[in-house]
Amino acid sequence: MSKSKATKGKRYTAAEKQEVLDYVAAVDADKGRGGVAAAARHFGITPLTITAWKKRAAAGGAPGIPAAATPTKGGSKGATAQSRTLHRLAEILDEIEGAKAKIASLEKEYAKLKKKV
C-alpha cells in the first residue's frame, strides 16, 4: 500500500464560481470567444471545470449548488422542465414590471419637461 495521501481538489464557493463565470462572460463579450481558456489561465482552474460550471448555469442551475442537489435520473424530466418554465415566467414578469416602472418614471419626467416648454 502507498503511504502517500491522495490530494483532494479545491472546493470553490458559489461566489468564486460566479466570479470566474463573470470573467468568462466579459472576455467572450469583448473578444467573441476564448473566455474559458482565458479564465483557466487567469484563475488556474481547468477549462473542463469552468465548462461544467457554464453548463450548469446555462441549464438554470446555480454554479454553486453541488451535483447532489440537482435532479437525478430518478426524477421526472417533465417536472424539471416545468419548474424551469415557471422560473423563466417569473423572471420575465419581473422584467416587465421593472420596464413598466421605468416607463412610468420617464412619462412623469416627460410631462414635467413638457410643462416647462
PDB file of N, CA and C in Angstrom:
ATOM      1  N   MET A   1       0.818  -1.191   0.000  1.00  0.00           N
ATOM      2  CA  MET A   1       0.000   0.000   0.000  1.00  0.00           C
ATOM      3  C   MET A   1       0.857   1.247   0.000  1.00  0.00           C
ATOM      4  N   SER A   2       0.374   2.244  -0.633  1.00  0.00           N
ATOM      5  CA  SER A   2       1.085   3.510  -0.697  1.00  0.00           C
ATOM      6  C   SER A   2       0.798   4.320   0.558  1.00  0.00           C
ATOM      7  N   LYS A   3       1.835   4.928   1.097  1.00  0.00           N
ATOM      8  CA  LYS A   3       1.669   5.727   2.304  1.00  0.00           C
ATOM      9  C   LYS A   3       1.284   7.169   1.996  1.00  0.00           C
ATOM     10  N   SER A   4       1.434   7.586   0.743  1.00  0.00           N
ATOM     11  CA  SER A   4       1.124   8.974   0.402  1.00  0.00           C
ATOM     12  C   SER A   4      -0.384   9.186   0.340  1.00  0.00           C
ATOM     13  N   LYS A   5      -0.788  10.326   0.813  1.00  0.00           N
ATOM     14  CA  LYS A   5      -2.209  10.666   0.781  1.00  0.00           C
ATOM     15  C   LYS A   5      -2.574  11.204  -0.591  1.00  0.00           C
ATOM     16  N   ALA A   6      -3.750  10.860  -1.038  1.00  0.00           N
ATOM     17  CA  ALA A   6      -4.240  11.413  -2.302  1.00  0.00           C
ATOM     18  C   ALA A   6      -4.676  12.851  -2.040  1.00  0.00           C
ATOM     19  N   THR A   7      -4.293  13.748  -2.915  1.00  0.00           N
ATOM     20  CA  THR A   7      -4.686  15.141  -2.733  1.00  0.00           C
ATOM     21  C   THR A   7      -6.115  15.332  -3.213  1.00  0.00           C
ATOM     22  N   LYS A   8      -6.824  16.134  -2.485  1.00  0.00           N
ATOM     23  CA  LYS A   8      -8.199  16.439  -2.860  1.00  0.00           C
ATOM     24  C   LYS A   8      -8.212  17.730  -3.656  1.00  0.00           C
ATOM     25  N   GLY A   9      -9.141  17.821  -4.578  1.00  0.00           N
ATOM     26  CA  GLY A   9      -9.270  19.028  -5.372  1.00  0.00           C
ATOM     27  C   GLY A   9      -9.801  20.179  -4.536  1.00  0.00           C
ATOM     28  N   LYS A  10      -9.548  21.374  -4.982  1.00  0.00           N
ATOM     29  CA  LYS A  10     -10.026  22.566  -4.286  1.00  0.00           C
ATOM     30  C   LYS A  10     -11.530  22.678  -4.460  1.00  0.00           C
ATOM     31  N   ARG A  11     -12.181  23.105  -3.419  1.00  0.00           N
ATOM     32  CA  ARG A  11     -13.622  23.336  -3.462  1.00  0.00           C
ATOM     33  C   ARG A  11     -13.842  24.838  -3.594  1.00  0.00           C
ATOM     34  N   TYR A  12     -14.660  25.232  -4.539  1.00  0.00           N
ATOM     35  CA  TYR A  12     -14.906  26.646  -4.800  1.00  0.00           C
ATOM     36  C   TYR A  12     -16.273  27.041  -4.260  1.00  0.00           C
ATOM     37  N   THR A  13     -16.355  28.221  -3.688  1.00  0.00           N
ATOM     38  CA  THR A  13     -17.633  28.733  -3.208  1.00  0.00           C
ATOM     39  C   THR A  13     -18.457  29.214  -4.398  1.00  0.00           C
ATOM     40  N   ALA A  14     -19.732  29.425  -4.158  1.00  0.00           N
ATOM     41  CA  ALA A  14     -20.609  29.927  -5.218  1.00  0.00           C
ATOM     42  C   ALA A  14     -20.135  31.296  -5.704  1.00  0.00           C
ATOM     43  N   ALA A  15     -19.636  32.115  -4.788  1.00  0.00           N
ATOM     44  CA  ALA A  15     -19.152  33.446  -5.171  1.00  0.00           C
ATOM     45  C   ALA A  15     -17.918  33.345  -6.065  1.00  0.00           C
ATOM     46  N   GLU A  16     -17.019  32.410  -5.736  1.00  0.00           N
ATOM     47  CA  GLU A  16     -15.820  32.227  -6.562  1.00  0.00           C
ATOM     48  C   GLU A  16     -16.195  31.735  -7.956  1.00  0.00           C
ATOM     49  N   LYS A  17     -17.139  30.799  -8.000  1.00  0.00           N
ATOM     50  CA  LYS A  17     -17.582  30.277  -9.296  1.00  0.00           C
ATOM     51  C   LYS A  17     -18.222  31.385 -10.125  1.00  0.00           C
ATOM     52  N   GLN A  18     -19.035  32.212  -9.467  1.00  0.00           N
ATOM     53  CA  GLN A  18     -19.694  33.298 -10.183  1.00  0.00           C
ATOM     54  C   GLN A  18     -18.680  34.305 -10.690  1.00  0.00           C
ATOM     55  N   GLU A  19     -17.629  34.567  -9.913  1.00  0.00           N
ATOM     56  CA  GLU A  19     -16.577  35.486 -10.345  1.00  0.00           C
ATOM     57  C   GLU A  19     -15.899  34.959 -11.613  1.00  0.00           C
ATOM     58  N   VAL A  20     -15.624  33.663 -11.641  1.00  0.00           N
ATOM     59  CA  VAL A  20     -14.995  33.055 -12.814  1.00  0.00           C
ATOM     60  C   VAL A  20     -15.935  33.144 -14.012  1.00  0.00           C
ATOM     61  N   LEU A  21     -17.223  32.832 -13.800  1.00  0.00           N
ATOM     62  CA  LEU A  21     -18.187  32.880 -14.904  1.00  0.00           C
ATOM     63  C   LEU A  21     -18.378  34.305 -15.413  1.00  0.00           C
ATOM     64  N   ASP A  22     -18.338  35.283 -14.523  1.00  0.00           N
ATOM     65  CA  ASP A  22     -18.431  36.682 -14.952  1.00  0.00           C
ATOM     66  C   ASP A  22     -17.219  37.065 -15.796  1.00  0.00           C
ATOM     67  N   TYR A  23     -16.050  36.585 -15.399  1.00  0.00           N
ATOM     68  CA  TYR A  23     -14.825  36.848 -16.161  1.00  0.00           C
ATOM     69  C   TYR A  23     -14.935  36.229 -17.552  1.00  0.00           C
ATOM     70  N   VAL A  24     -15.432  34.992 -17.611  1.00  0.00           N
ATOM     71  CA  VAL A  24     -15.610  34.308 -18.903  1.00  0.00           C
ATOM     72  C   VAL A  24     -16.555  35.113 -19.790  1.00  0.00           C
ATOM     73  N   ALA A  25     -17.670  35.565 -19.216  1.00  0.00           N
ATOM     74  CA  ALA A  25     -18.648  36.334 -19.988  1.00  0.00           C
ATOM     75  C   ALA A  25     -18.048  37.647 -20.485  1.00  0.00           C
ATOM     76  N   ALA A  26     -17.240  38.290 -19.655  1.00  0.00           N
ATOM     77  CA  ALA A  26     -16.622  39.559 -20.053  1.00  0.00           C
ATOM     78  C   ALA A  26     -15.651  39.358 -21.209  1.00  0.00           C
ATOM     79  N   VAL A  27     -14.835  38.312 -21.137  1.00  0.00           N
ATOM     80  CA  VAL A  27     -13.876  38.045 -22.215  1.00  0.00           C
ATOM     81  C   VAL A  27     -14.617  37.666 -23.489  1.00  0.00           C
ATOM     82  N   ASP A  28     -15.651  36.820 -23.354  1.00  0.00           N
ATOM     83  CA  ASP A  28     -16.426  36.426 -24.532  1.00  0.00           C
ATOM     84  C   ASP A  28     -17.104  37.633 -25.172  1.00  0.00           C
ATOM     85  N   ALA A  29     -17.628  38.548 -24.343  1.00  0.00           N
ATOM     86  CA  ALA A  29     -18.286  39.740 -24.878  1.00  0.00           C
ATOM     87  C   ALA A  29     -17.278  40.652 -25.572  1.00  0.00           C
ATOM     88  N   ASP A  30     -16.084  40.727 -25.015  1.00  0.00           N
ATOM     89  CA  ASP A  30     -15.053  41.604 -25.564  1.00  0.00           C
ATOM     90  C   ASP A  30     -14.439  41.035 -26.839  1.00  0.00           C
ATOM     91  N   LYS A  31     -14.076  39.766 -26.793  1.00  0.00           N
ATOM     92  CA  LYS A  31     -13.353  39.168 -27.915  1.00  0.00           C
ATOM     93  C   LYS A  31     -14.193  38.229 -28.767  1.00  0.00           C
ATOM     94  N   GLY A  32     -15.376  37.867 -28.299  1.00  0.00           N
ATOM     95  CA  GLY A  32     -16.235  36.972 -29.069  1.00  0.00           C
ATOM     96  C   GLY A  32     -16.036  35.503 -28.742  1.00  0.00           C
ATOM     97  N   ARG A  33     -14.891  35.148 -28.215  1.00  0.00           N
ATOM     98  CA  ARG A  33     -14.624  33.761 -27.826  1.00  0.00           C
ATOM     99  C   ARG A  33     -13.370  33.728 -26.960  1.00  0.00           C
ATOM    100  N   GLY A  34     -13.059  32.532 -26.445  1.00  0.00           N
ATOM    101  CA  GLY A  34     -11.833  32.368 -25.676  1.00  0.00           C
ATOM    102  C   GLY A  34     -11.946  32.677 -24.202  1.00  0.00           C
ATOM    103  N   GLY A  35     -13.161  32.880 -23.717  1.00  0.00           N
ATOM    104  CA  GLY A  35     -13.343  33.225 -22.311  1.00  0.00           C
ATOM    105  C   GLY A  35     -12.939  32.120 -21.356  1.00  0.00           C
ATOM    106  N   VAL A  36     -13.272  30.881 -21.704  1.00  0.00           N
ATOM    107  CA  VAL A  36     -12.952  29.758 -20.828  1.00  0.00           C
ATOM    108  C   VAL A  36     -11.438  29.588 -20.724  1.00  0.00           C
ATOM    109  N   ALA A  37     -10.756  29.640 -21.856  1.00  0.00           N
ATOM    110  CA  ALA A  37      -9.297  29.481 -21.855  1.00  0.00           C
ATOM    111  C   ALA A  37      -8.629  30.613 -21.079  1.00  0.00           C
ATOM    112  N   ALA A  38      -9.113  31.836 -21.268  1.00  0.00           N
ATOM    113  CA  ALA A  38      -8.537  32.979 -20.559  1.00  0.00           C
ATOM    114  C   ALA A  38      -8.766  32.852 -19.053  1.00  0.00           C
ATOM    115  N   ALA A  39      -9.963  32.427 -18.664  1.00  0.00           N
ATOM    116  CA  ALA A  39     -10.263  32.254 -17.242  1.00  0.00           C
ATOM    117  C   ALA A  39      -9.426  31.125 -16.648  1.00  0.00           C
ATOM    118  N   ALA A  40      -9.222  30.068 -17.419  1.00  0.00           N
ATOM    119  CA  ALA A  40      -8.402  28.952 -16.939  1.00  0.00           C
ATOM    120  C   ALA A  40      -6.981  29.432 -16.643  1.00  0.00           C
ATOM    121  N   ARG A  41      -6.439  30.247 -17.522  1.00  0.00           N
ATOM    122  CA  ARG A  41      -5.090  30.788 -17.300  1.00  0.00           C
ATOM    123  C   ARG A  41      -5.082  31.774 -16.131  1.00  0.00           C
ATOM    124  N   HIS A  42      -6.088  32.634 -16.085  1.00  0.00           N
ATOM    125  CA  HIS A  42      -6.136  33.695 -15.081  1.00  0.00           C
ATOM    126  C   HIS A  42      -6.331  33.144 -13.665  1.00  0.00           C
ATOM    127  N   PHE A  43      -7.252  32.185 -13.502  1.00  0.00           N
ATOM    128  CA  PHE A  43      -7.597  31.677 -12.179  1.00  0.00           C
ATOM    129  C   PHE A  43      -6.903  30.363 -11.824  1.00  0.00           C
ATOM    130  N   GLY A  44      -6.254  29.719 -12.803  1.00  0.00           N
ATOM    131  CA  GLY A  44      -5.585  28.453 -12.531  1.00  0.00           C
ATOM    132  C   GLY A  44      -6.555  27.299 -12.336  1.00  0.00           C
ATOM    133  N   ILE A  45      -7.657  27.338 -13.055  1.00  0.00           N
ATOM    134  CA  ILE A  45      -8.688  26.299 -12.989  1.00  0.00           C
ATOM    135  C   ILE A  45      -8.736  25.629 -14.351  1.00  0.00           C
ATOM    136  N   THR A  46      -8.998  24.339 -14.376  1.00  0.00           N
ATOM    137  CA  THR A  46      -9.020  23.646 -15.660  1.00  0.00           C
ATOM    138  C   THR A  46     -10.205  24.108 -16.501  1.00  0.00           C
ATOM    139  N   PRO A  47     -10.037  24.149 -17.818  1.00  0.00           N
ATOM    140  CA  PRO A  47     -11.142  24.529 -18.696  1.00  0.00           C
ATOM    141  C   PRO A  47     -12.344  23.591 -18.557  1.00  0.00           C
ATOM    142  N   LEU A  48     -12.084  22.322 -18.268  1.00  0.00           N
ATOM    143  CA  LEU A  48     -13.174  21.361 -18.103  1.00  0.00           C
ATOM    144  C   LEU A  48     -14.069  21.746 -16.929  1.00  0.00           C
ATOM    145  N   THR A  49     -13.462  22.168 -15.839  1.00  0.00           N
ATOM    146  CA  THR A  49     -14.224  22.587 -14.666  1.00  0.00           C
ATOM    147  C   THR A  49     -15.061  23.827 -14.980  1.00  0.00           C
ATOM    148  N   ILE A  50     -14.458  24.795 -15.631  1.00  0.00           N
ATOM    149  CA  ILE A  50     -15.173  26.032 -15.964  1.00  0.00           C
ATOM    150  C   ILE A  50     -16.326  25.737 -16.917  1.00  0.00           C
ATOM    151  N   THR A  51     -16.089  24.856 -17.886  1.00  0.00           N
ATOM    152  CA  THR A  51     -17.145  24.486 -18.832  1.00  0.00           C
ATOM    153  C   THR A  51     -18.303  23.815 -18.103  1.00  0.00           C
ATOM    154  N   ALA A  52     -18.004  22.971 -17.127  1.00  0.00           N
ATOM    155  CA  ALA A  52     -19.062  22.324 -16.346  1.00  0.00           C
ATOM    156  C   ALA A  52     -19.882  23.362 -15.590  1.00  0.00           C
ATOM    157  N   TRP A  53     -19.213  24.367 -15.026  1.00  0.00           N
ATOM    158  CA  TRP A  53     -19.927  25.437 -14.329  1.00  0.00           C
ATOM    159  C   TRP A  53     -20.814  26.210 -15.291  1.00  0.00           C
ATOM    160  N   LYS A  54     -20.294  26.484 -16.494  1.00  0.00           N
ATOM    161  CA  LYS A  54     -21.081  27.212 -17.501  1.00  0.00           C
ATOM    162  C   LYS A  54     -22.322  26.422 -17.881  1.00  0.00           C
ATOM    163  N   LYS A  55     -22.164  25.116 -18.084  1.00  0.00           N
ATOM    164  CA  LYS A  55     -23.303  24.281 -18.468  1.00  0.00           C
ATOM    165  C   LYS A  55     -24.355  24.260 -17.368  1.00  0.00           C
ATOM    166  N   ARG A  56     -23.915  24.157 -16.121  1.00  0.00           N
ATOM    167  CA  ARG A  56     -24.867  24.127 -15.015  1.00  0.00           C
ATOM    168  C   ARG A  56     -25.611  25.458 -14.931  1.00  0.00           C
ATOM    169  N   ALA A  57     -24.899  26.567 -15.117  1.00  0.00           N
ATOM    170  CA  ALA A  57     -25.529  27.888 -15.061  1.00  0.00           C
ATOM    171  C   ALA A  57     -26.496  28.076 -16.228  1.00  0.00           C
ATOM    172  N   ALA A  58     -26.124  27.580 -17.417  1.00  0.00           N
ATOM    173  CA  ALA A  58     -26.982  27.714 -18.594  1.00  0.00           C
ATOM    174  C   ALA A  58     -28.235  26.859 -18.474  1.00  0.00           C
ATOM    175  N   ALA A  59     -28.144  25.758 -17.729  1.00  0.00           N
ATOM    176  CA  ALA A  59     -29.290  24.868 -17.566  1.00  0.00           C
ATOM    177  C   ALA A  59     -30.260  25.391 -16.516  1.00  0.00           C
ATOM    178  N   GLY A  60     -29.964  26.539 -15.948  1.00  0.00           N
ATOM    179  CA  GLY A  60     -30.864  27.120 -14.967  1.00  0.00           C
ATOM    180  C   GLY A  60     -30.451  26.845 -13.540  1.00  0.00           C
ATOM    181  N   GLY A  61     -29.429  26.034 -13.339  1.00  0.00           N
ATOM    182  CA  GLY A  61     -28.940  25.752 -12.002  1.00  0.00           C
ATOM    183  C   GLY A  61     -27.854  26.732 -11.627  1.00  0.00           C
ATOM    184  N   ALA A  62     -27.733  26.973 -10.353  1.00  0.00           N
ATOM    185  CA  ALA A  62     -26.668  27.863  -9.896  1.00  0.00           C
ATOM    186  C   ALA A  62     -25.357  27.101  -9.893  1.00  0.00           C
ATOM    187  N   PRO A  63     -24.265  27.734 -10.301  1.00  0.00           N
ATOM    188  CA  PRO A  63     -22.990  27.026 -10.335  1.00  0.00           C
ATOM    189  C   PRO A  63     -22.497  26.621  -8.960  1.00  0.00           C
ATOM    190  N   GLY A  64     -23.008  27.218  -7.900  1.00  0.00           N
ATOM    191  CA  GLY A  64     -22.553  26.895  -6.556  1.00  0.00           C
ATOM    192  C   GLY A  64     -23.263  25.718  -5.925  1.00  0.00           C
ATOM    193  N   ILE A  65     -24.308  25.214  -6.557  1.00  0.00           N
ATOM    194  CA  ILE A  65     -25.061  24.103  -5.996  1.00  0.00           C
ATOM    195  C   ILE A  65     -24.364  22.799  -6.343  1.00  0.00           C
ATOM    196  N   PRO A  66     -24.093  21.948  -5.349  1.00  0.00           N
ATOM    197  CA  PRO A  66     -23.427  20.686  -5.657  1.00  0.00           C
ATOM    198  C   PRO A  66     -24.309  19.784  -6.506  1.00  0.00           C
ATOM    199  N   ALA A  67     -23.670  18.863  -7.222  1.00  0.00           N
ATOM    200  CA  ALA A  67     -24.394  17.979  -8.132  1.00  0.00           C
ATOM    201  C   ALA A  67     -25.435  17.149  -7.404  1.00  0.00           C
ATOM    202  N   ALA A  68     -25.210  16.820  -6.131  1.00  0.00           N
ATOM    203  CA  ALA A  68     -26.157  16.011  -5.372  1.00  0.00           C
ATOM    204  C   ALA A  68     -27.483  16.734  -5.181  1.00  0.00           C
ATOM    205  N   ALA A  69     -27.495  18.042  -5.275  1.00  0.00           N
ATOM    206  CA  ALA A  69     -28.720  18.810  -5.078  1.00  0.00           C
ATOM    207  C   ALA A  69     -29.518  18.975  -6.363  1.00  0.00           C
ATOM    208  N   THR A  70     -28.965  18.541  -7.473  1.00  0.00           N
ATOM    209  CA  THR A  70     -29.670  18.659  -8.739  1.00  0.00           C
ATOM    210  C   THR A  70     -30.479  17.402  -8.991  1.00  0.00           C
ATOM    211  N   PRO A  71     -31.541  17.470  -9.801  1.00  0.00           N
ATOM    212  CA  PRO A  71     -32.360  16.296 -10.064  1.00  0.00           C
ATOM    213  C   PRO A  71     -31.534  15.170 -10.678  1.00  0.00           C
ATOM    214  N   THR A  72     -31.849  13.952 -10.271  1.00  0.00           N
ATOM    215  CA  THR A  72     -31.148  12.781 -10.787  1.00  0.00           C
ATOM    216  C   THR A  72     -32.022  12.044 -11.784  1.00  0.00           C
ATOM    217  N   LYS A  73     -31.517  10.911 -12.288  1.00  0.00           N
ATOM    218  CA  LYS A  73     -32.256  10.148 -13.285  1.00  0.00           C
ATOM    219  C   LYS A  73     -33.604   9.671 -12.760  1.00  0.00           C
ATOM    220  N   GLY A  74     -33.714   9.480 -11.459  1.00  0.00           N
ATOM    221  CA  GLY A  74     -34.961   9.001 -10.883  1.00  0.00           C
ATOM    222  C   GLY A  74     -36.068  10.037 -10.925  1.00  0.00           C
ATOM    223  N   GLY A  75     -35.730  11.303 -11.099  1.00  0.00           N
ATOM    224  CA  GLY A  75     -36.716  12.374 -11.109  1.00  0.00           C
ATOM    225  C   GLY A  75     -37.447  12.459 -12.428  1.00  0.00           C
ATOM    226  N   SER A  76     -38.518  13.202 -12.432  1.00  0.00           N
ATOM    227  CA  SER A  76     -39.305  13.371 -13.645  1.00  0.00           C
ATOM    228  C   SER A  76     -38.733  14.510 -14.473  1.00  0.00           C
ATOM    229  N   LYS A  77     -38.428  14.229 -15.726  1.00  0.00           N
ATOM    230  CA  LYS A  77     -37.896  15.277 -16.598  1.00  0.00           C
ATOM    231  C   LYS A  77     -38.950  16.340 -16.859  1.00  0.00           C
ATOM    232  N   GLY A  78     -40.203  15.941 -16.918  1.00  0.00           N
ATOM    233  CA  GLY A  78     -41.280  16.895 -17.144  1.00  0.00           C
ATOM    234  C   GLY A  78     -41.379  17.906 -16.016  1.00  0.00           C
ATOM    235  N   ALA A  79     -41.206  17.425 -14.779  1.00  0.00           N
ATOM    236  CA  ALA A  79     -41.278  18.322 -13.629  1.00  0.00           C
ATOM    237  C   ALA A  79     -40.125  19.318 -13.662  1.00  0.00           C
ATOM    238  N   THR A  80     -38.946  18.866 -14.050  1.00  0.00           N
ATOM    239  CA  THR A  80     -37.794  19.754 -14.130  1.00  0.00           C
ATOM    240  C   THR A  80     -38.011  20.805 -15.212  1.00  0.00           C
ATOM    241  N   ALA A  81     -38.491  20.380 -16.361  1.00  0.00           N
ATOM    242  CA  ALA A  81     -38.758  21.318 -17.451  1.00  0.00           C
ATOM    243  C   ALA A  81     -39.844  22.306 -17.043  1.00  0.00           C
ATOM    244  N   GLN A  82     -40.843  21.812 -16.346  1.00  0.00           N
ATOM    245  CA  GLN A  82     -41.923  22.683 -15.909  1.00  0.00           C
ATOM    246  C   GLN A  82     -41.411  23.699 -14.889  1.00  0.00           C
ATOM    247  N   SER A  83     -40.567  23.267 -13.967  1.00  0.00           N
ATOM    248  CA  SER A  83     -40.047  24.210 -12.978  1.00  0.00           C
ATOM    249  C   SER A  83     -39.159  25.262 -13.637  1.00  0.00           C
ATOM    250  N   ARG A  84     -38.394  24.859 -14.662  1.00  0.00           N
ATOM    251  CA  ARG A  84     -37.581  25.840 -15.398  1.00  0.00           C
ATOM    252  C   ARG A  84     -38.483  26.837 -16.112  1.00  0.00           C
ATOM    253  N   THR A  85     -39.572  26.347 -16.700  1.00  0.00           N
ATOM    254  CA  THR A  85     -40.511  27.225 -17.396  1.00  0.00           C
ATOM    255  C   THR A  85     -41.144  28.210 -16.418  1.00  0.00           C
ATOM    256  N   LEU A  86     -41.565  27.708 -15.258  1.00  0.00           N
ATOM    257  CA  LEU A  86     -42.165  28.587 -14.258  1.00  0.00           C
ATOM    258  C   LEU A  86     -41.158  29.622 -13.751  1.00  0.00           C
ATOM    259  N   HIS A  87     -39.933  29.199 -13.561  1.00  0.00           N
ATOM    260  CA  HIS A  87     -38.881  30.124 -13.129  1.00  0.00           C
ATOM    261  C   HIS A  87     -38.667  31.212 -14.175  1.00  0.00           C
ATOM    262  N   ARG A  88     -38.629  30.823 -15.436  1.00  0.00           N
ATOM    263  CA  ARG A  88     -38.428  31.797 -16.521  1.00  0.00           C
ATOM    264  C   ARG A  88     -39.619  32.749 -16.613  1.00  0.00           C
ATOM    265  N   LEU A  89     -40.833  32.221 -16.432  1.00  0.00           N
ATOM    266  CA  LEU A  89     -42.022  33.078 -16.439  1.00  0.00           C
ATOM    267  C   LEU A  89     -41.922  34.139 -15.340  1.00  0.00           C
ATOM    268  N   ALA A  90     -41.476  33.736 -14.159  1.00  0.00           N
ATOM    269  CA  ALA A  90     -41.329  34.685 -13.056  1.00  0.00           C
ATOM    270  C   ALA A  90     -40.282  35.742 -13.386  1.00  0.00           C
ATOM    271  N   GLU A  91     -39.180  35.328 -14.017  1.00  0.00           N
ATOM    272  CA  GLU A  91     -38.148  36.283 -14.414  1.00  0.00           C
ATOM    273  C   GLU A  91     -38.694  37.288 -15.423  1.00  0.00           C
ATOM    274  N   ILE A  92     -39.436  36.796 -16.403  1.00  0.00           N
ATOM    275  CA  ILE A  92     -39.998  37.679 -17.428  1.00  0.00           C
ATOM    276  C   ILE A  92     -40.979  38.659 -16.801  1.00  0.00           C
ATOM    277  N   LEU A  93     -41.811  38.166 -15.888  1.00  0.00           N
ATOM    278  CA  LEU A  93     -42.771  39.040 -15.221  1.00  0.00           C
ATOM    279  C   LEU A  93     -42.048  40.142 -14.446  1.00  0.00           C
ATOM    280  N   ASP A  94     -40.964  39.783 -13.761  1.00  0.00           N
ATOM    281  CA  ASP A  94     -40.178  40.791 -13.041  1.00  0.00           C
ATOM    282  C   ASP A  94     -39.601  41.823 -14.001  1.00  0.00           C
ATOM    283  N   GLU A  95     -39.114  41.374 -15.155  1.00  0.00           N
ATOM    284  CA  GLU A  95     -38.573  42.298 -16.156  1.00  0.00           C
ATOM    285  C   GLU A  95     -39.660  43.232 -16.679  1.00  0.00           C
ATOM    286  N   ILE A  96     -40.846  42.694 -16.925  1.00  0.00           N
ATOM    287  CA  ILE A  96     -41.966  43.503 -17.419  1.00  0.00           C
ATOM    288  C   ILE A  96     -42.338  44.561 -16.386  1.00  0.00           C
ATOM    289  N   GLU A  97     -42.429  44.156 -15.116  1.00  0.00           N
ATOM    290  CA  GLU A  97     -42.780  45.108 -14.066  1.00  0.00           C
ATOM    291  C   GLU A  97     -41.714  46.195 -13.929  1.00  0.00           C
ATOM    292  N   GLY A  98     -40.463  45.810 -14.047  1.00  0.00           N
ATOM    293  CA  GLY A  98     -39.384  46.796 -13.998  1.00  0.00           C
ATOM    294  C   GLY A  98     -39.462  47.767 -15.159  1.00  0.00           C
ATOM    295  N   ALA A  99     -39.781  47.244 -16.343  1.00  0.00           N
ATOM    296  CA  ALA A  99     -39.899  48.093 -17.529  1.00  0.00           C
ATOM    297  C   ALA A  99     -41.082  49.051 -17.389  1.00  0.00           C
ATOM    298  N   LYS A 100     -42.195  48.559 -16.839  1.00  0.00           N
ATOM    299  CA  LYS A 100     -43.364  49.420 -16.634  1.00  0.00           C
ATOM    300  C   LYS A 100     -43.037  50.545 -15.657  1.00  0.00           C
ATOM    301  N   ALA A 101     -42.306  50.226 -14.601  1.00  0.00           N
ATOM    302  CA  ALA A 101     -41.915  51.251 -13.629  1.00  0.00           C
ATOM    303  C   ALA A 101     -41.007  52.283 -14.286  1.00  0.00           C
ATOM    304  N   LYS A 102     -40.096  51.828 -15.119  1.00  0.00           N
ATOM    305  CA  LYS A 102     -39.188  52.732 -15.832  1.00  0.00           C
ATOM    306  C   LYS A 102     -39.980  53.633 -16.780  1.00  0.00           C
ATOM    307  N   ILE A 103     -40.940  53.058 -17.494  1.00  0.00           N
ATOM    308  CA  ILE A 103     -41.775  53.840 -18.416  1.00  0.00           C
ATOM    309  C   ILE A 103     -42.568  54.892 -17.645  1.00  0.00           C
ATOM    310  N   ALA A 104     -43.151  54.507 -16.506  1.00  0.00           N
ATOM    311  CA  ALA A 104     -43.917  55.463 -15.702  1.00  0.00           C
ATOM    312  C   ALA A 104     -43.025  56.610 -15.242  1.00  0.00           C
ATOM    313  N   SER A 105     -41.822  56.287 -14.830  1.00  0.00           N
ATOM    314  CA  SER A 105     -40.878  57.320 -14.401  1.00  0.00           C
ATOM    315  C   SER A 105     -40.530  58.258 -15.554  1.00  0.00           C
ATOM    316  N   LEU A 106     -40.289  57.696 -16.722  1.00  0.00           N
ATOM    317  CA  LEU A 106     -39.958  58.512 -17.891  1.00  0.00           C
ATOM    318  C   LEU A 106     -41.141  59.378 -18.322  1.00  0.00           C
ATOM    319  N   GLU A 107     -42.356  58.847 -18.223  1.00  0.00           N
ATOM    320  CA  GLU A 107     -43.542  59.632 -18.581  1.00  0.00           C
ATOM    321  C   GLU A 107     -43.716  60.822 -17.640  1.00  0.00           C
ATOM    322  N   LYS A 108     -43.442  60.617 -16.346  1.00  0.00           N
ATOM    323  CA  LYS A 108     -43.528  61.723 -15.395  1.00  0.00           C
ATOM    324  C   LYS A 108     -42.496  62.795 -15.721  1.00  0.00           C
ATOM    325  N   GLU A 109     -41.285  62.351 -16.002  1.00  0.00           N
ATOM    326  CA  GLU A 109     -40.226  63.297 -16.353  1.00  0.00           C
ATOM    327  C   GLU A 109     -40.570  64.035 -17.640  1.00  0.00           C
ATOM    328  N   TYR A 110     -41.120  63.327 -18.617  1.00  0.00           N
ATOM    329  CA  TYR A 110     -41.532  63.920 -19.888  1.00  0.00           C
ATOM    330  C   TYR A 110     -42.593  64.997 -19.650  1.00  0.00           C
ATOM    331  N   ALA A 111     -43.580  64.683 -18.801  1.00  0.00           N
ATOM    332  CA  ALA A 111     -44.649  65.639 -18.520  1.00  0.00           C
ATOM    333  C   ALA A 111     -44.095  66.899 -17.846  1.00  0.00           C
ATOM    334  N   LYS A 112     -43.166  66.721 -16.907  1.00  0.00           N
ATOM    335  CA  LYS A 112     -42.556  67.875 -16.236  1.00  0.00           C
ATOM    336  C   LYS A 112     -41.815  68.762 -17.228  1.00  0.00           C
ATOM    337  N   LEU A 113     -41.016  68.135 -18.068  1.00  0.00           N
ATOM    338  CA  LEU A 113     -40.236  68.901 -19.039  1.00  0.00           C
ATOM    339  C   LEU A 113     -41.138  69.573 -20.069  1.00  0.00           C
ATOM    340  N   LYS A 114     -42.217  68.914 -20.428  1.00  0.00           N
ATOM    341  CA  LYS A 114     -43.136  69.478 -21.420  1.00  0.00           C
ATOM    342  C   LYS A 114     -43.819  70.731 -20.865  1.00  0.00           C
ATOM    343  N   LYS A 115     -44.117  70.728 -19.562  1.00  0.00           N
ATOM    344  CA  LYS A 115     -44.735  71.893 -18.938  1.00  0.00           C
ATOM    345  C   LYS A 115     -43.796  73.096 -18.954  1.00  0.00           C
ATOM    346  N   LYS A 116     -42.496  72.839 -18.877  1.00  0.00           N
ATOM    347  CA  LYS A 116     -41.515  73.921 -18.876  1.00  0.00           C
ATOM    348  C   LYS A 116     -41.400  74.586 -20.238  1.00  0.00           C
ATOM    349  N   VAL A 117     -41.742  73.873 -21.295  1.00  0.00           N
ATOM    350  CA  VAL A 117     -41.579  74.406 -22.653  1.00  0.00           C
ATOM    351  C   VAL A 117     -42.719  75.290 -23.029  1.00  0.00           C
TER     352      VAL A 117
END
